[in-house]
Amino acid sequence: MGLKLSTKRKGGASKRRQISDAIEIAKDYRTDVYWEGEVVWRYADWARQSGDRRDMAAVA
């Protein structure tokens, strides 16, 4: 399961901004971010690169 973004958002926020906001939330929930059905950011990749070892066994 991951965080799914909707293309319909009030306020005219850009796609880049929406994805950026979703990534920050996804880090807390340790999940991936999807845009229009495609993965645009993976928690496991970020955790590996950043050295974040919080519960890596669950991600691998």
C-alpha atoms as a PDB file:
ATOM      1  CA  MET A   1       0.000   0.000   0.000  1.00  0.00           C
ATOM      2  CA  GLY A   2       1.214   3.487  -0.704  1.00  0.00           C
ATOM      3  CA  LEU A   3       0.211   7.097  -0.649  1.00  0.00           C
ATOM      4  CA  LYS A   4      -1.852   7.905  -3.744  1.00  0.00           C
ATOM      5  CA  LEU A   5      -2.081  11.457  -5.035  1.00  0.00           C
ATOM      6  CA  SER A   6      -5.078  12.921  -6.761  1.00  0.00           C
ATOM      7  CA  THR A   7      -4.613  15.157  -9.777  1.00  0.00           C
ATOM      8  CA  LYS A   8      -7.559  17.253  -8.616  1.00  0.00           C
ATOM      9  CA  ARG A   9      -6.416  19.636  -5.911  1.00  0.00           C
ATOM     10  CA  LYS A  10      -7.713  23.044  -4.980  1.00  0.00           C
ATOM     11  CA  GLY A  11      -5.356  25.995  -4.882  1.00  0.00           C
ATOM     12  CA  GLY A  12      -3.511  25.145  -8.091  1.00  0.00           C
ATOM     13  CA  ALA A  13      -0.542  23.490  -6.392  1.00  0.00           C
ATOM     14  CA  SER A  14       1.950  22.180  -8.919  1.00  0.00           C
ATOM     15  CA  LYS A  15       2.596  18.481  -9.447  1.00  0.00           C
ATOM     16  CA  ARG A  16       6.118  18.888  -8.094  1.00  0.00           C
ATOM     17  CA  ARG A  17       4.836  20.538  -4.914  1.00  0.00           C
ATOM     18  CA  GLN A  18       2.162  17.874  -4.388  1.00  0.00           C
ATOM     19  CA  ILE A  19       4.705  15.093  -4.792  1.00  0.00           C
ATOM     20  CA  SER A  20       7.158  16.831  -2.479  1.00  0.00           C
ATOM     21  CA  ASP A  21       4.494  17.199   0.212  1.00  0.00           C
ATOM     22  CA  ALA A  22       3.446  13.565  -0.228  1.00  0.00           C
ATOM     23  CA  ILE A  23       7.047  12.378   0.102  1.00  0.00           C
ATOM     24  CA  GLU A  24       7.403  14.101   3.459  1.00  0.00           C
ATOM     25  CA  ILE A  25       4.245  12.377   4.682  1.00  0.00           C
ATOM     26  CA  ALA A  26       5.321   9.030   3.186  1.00  0.00           C
ATOM     27  CA  LYS A  27       8.591   9.132   5.131  1.00  0.00           C
ATOM     28  CA  ASP A  28       6.626   9.159   8.392  1.00  0.00           C
ATOM     29  CA  TYR A  29       4.347   6.352   7.260  1.00  0.00           C
ATOM     30  CA  ARG A  30       7.172   4.404   5.577  1.00  0.00           C
ATOM     31  CA  THR A  31       5.293   3.952   2.328  1.00  0.00           C
ATOM     32  CA  ASP A  32       5.696   4.664  -1.385  1.00  0.00           C
ATOM     33  CA  VAL A  33       4.179   7.594  -3.301  1.00  0.00           C
ATOM     34  CA  TYR A  34       2.087   7.016  -6.421  1.00  0.00           C
ATOM     35  CA  TRP A  35       1.068   9.513  -9.096  1.00  0.00           C
ATOM     36  CA  GLU A  36      -1.581   8.447 -11.597  1.00  0.00           C
ATOM     37  CA  GLY A  37      -0.999   4.778 -10.827  1.00  0.00           C
ATOM     38  CA  GLU A  38       2.802   4.872 -11.058  1.00  0.00           C
ATOM     39  CA  VAL A  39       5.347   4.821  -8.247  1.00  0.00           C
ATOM     40  CA  VAL A  40       7.153   8.168  -8.223  1.00  0.00           C
ATOM     41  CA  TRP A  41       9.064   7.664  -4.950  1.00  0.00           C
ATOM     42  CA  ARG A  42       9.974   4.535  -2.981  1.00  0.00           C
ATOM     43  CA  TYR A  43      10.488   4.569   0.755  1.00  0.00           C
ATOM     44  CA  ALA A  44      12.882   1.597   0.639  1.00  0.00           C
ATOM     45  CA  ASP A  45      15.182   3.402  -1.815  1.00  0.00           C
ATOM     46  CA  TRP A  46      15.204   6.546   0.304  1.00  0.00           C
ATOM     47  CA  ALA A  47      15.833   4.591   3.521  1.00  0.00           C
ATOM     48  CA  ARG A  48      18.803   2.791   1.962  1.00  0.00           C
ATOM     49  CA  GLN A  49      20.345   5.960   0.554  1.00  0.00           C
ATOM     50  CA  SER A  50      19.772   8.085   3.634  1.00  0.00           C
ATOM     51  CA  GLY A  51      20.964   5.438   6.048  1.00  0.00           C
ATOM     52  CA  ASP A  52      17.602   5.470   7.803  1.00  0.00           C
ATOM     53  CA  ARG A  53      17.564   2.200   9.708  1.00  0.00           C
ATOM     54  CA  ARG A  54      14.102   2.535  11.248  1.00  0.00           C
ATOM     55  CA  ASP A  55      12.593  -0.886  10.801  1.00  0.00           C
ATOM     56  CA  MET A  56      14.503  -1.687   7.575  1.00  0.00           C
ATOM     57  CA  ALA A  57      13.610  -5.371   7.983  1.00  0.00           C
ATOM     58  CA  ALA A  58       9.985  -4.482   7.202  1.00  0.00           C
ATOM     59  CA  VAL A  59      11.005  -2.589   4.055  1.00  0.00           C
ATOM     60  CA  ALA A  60      13.340  -5.185   2.544  1.00  0.00           C
END
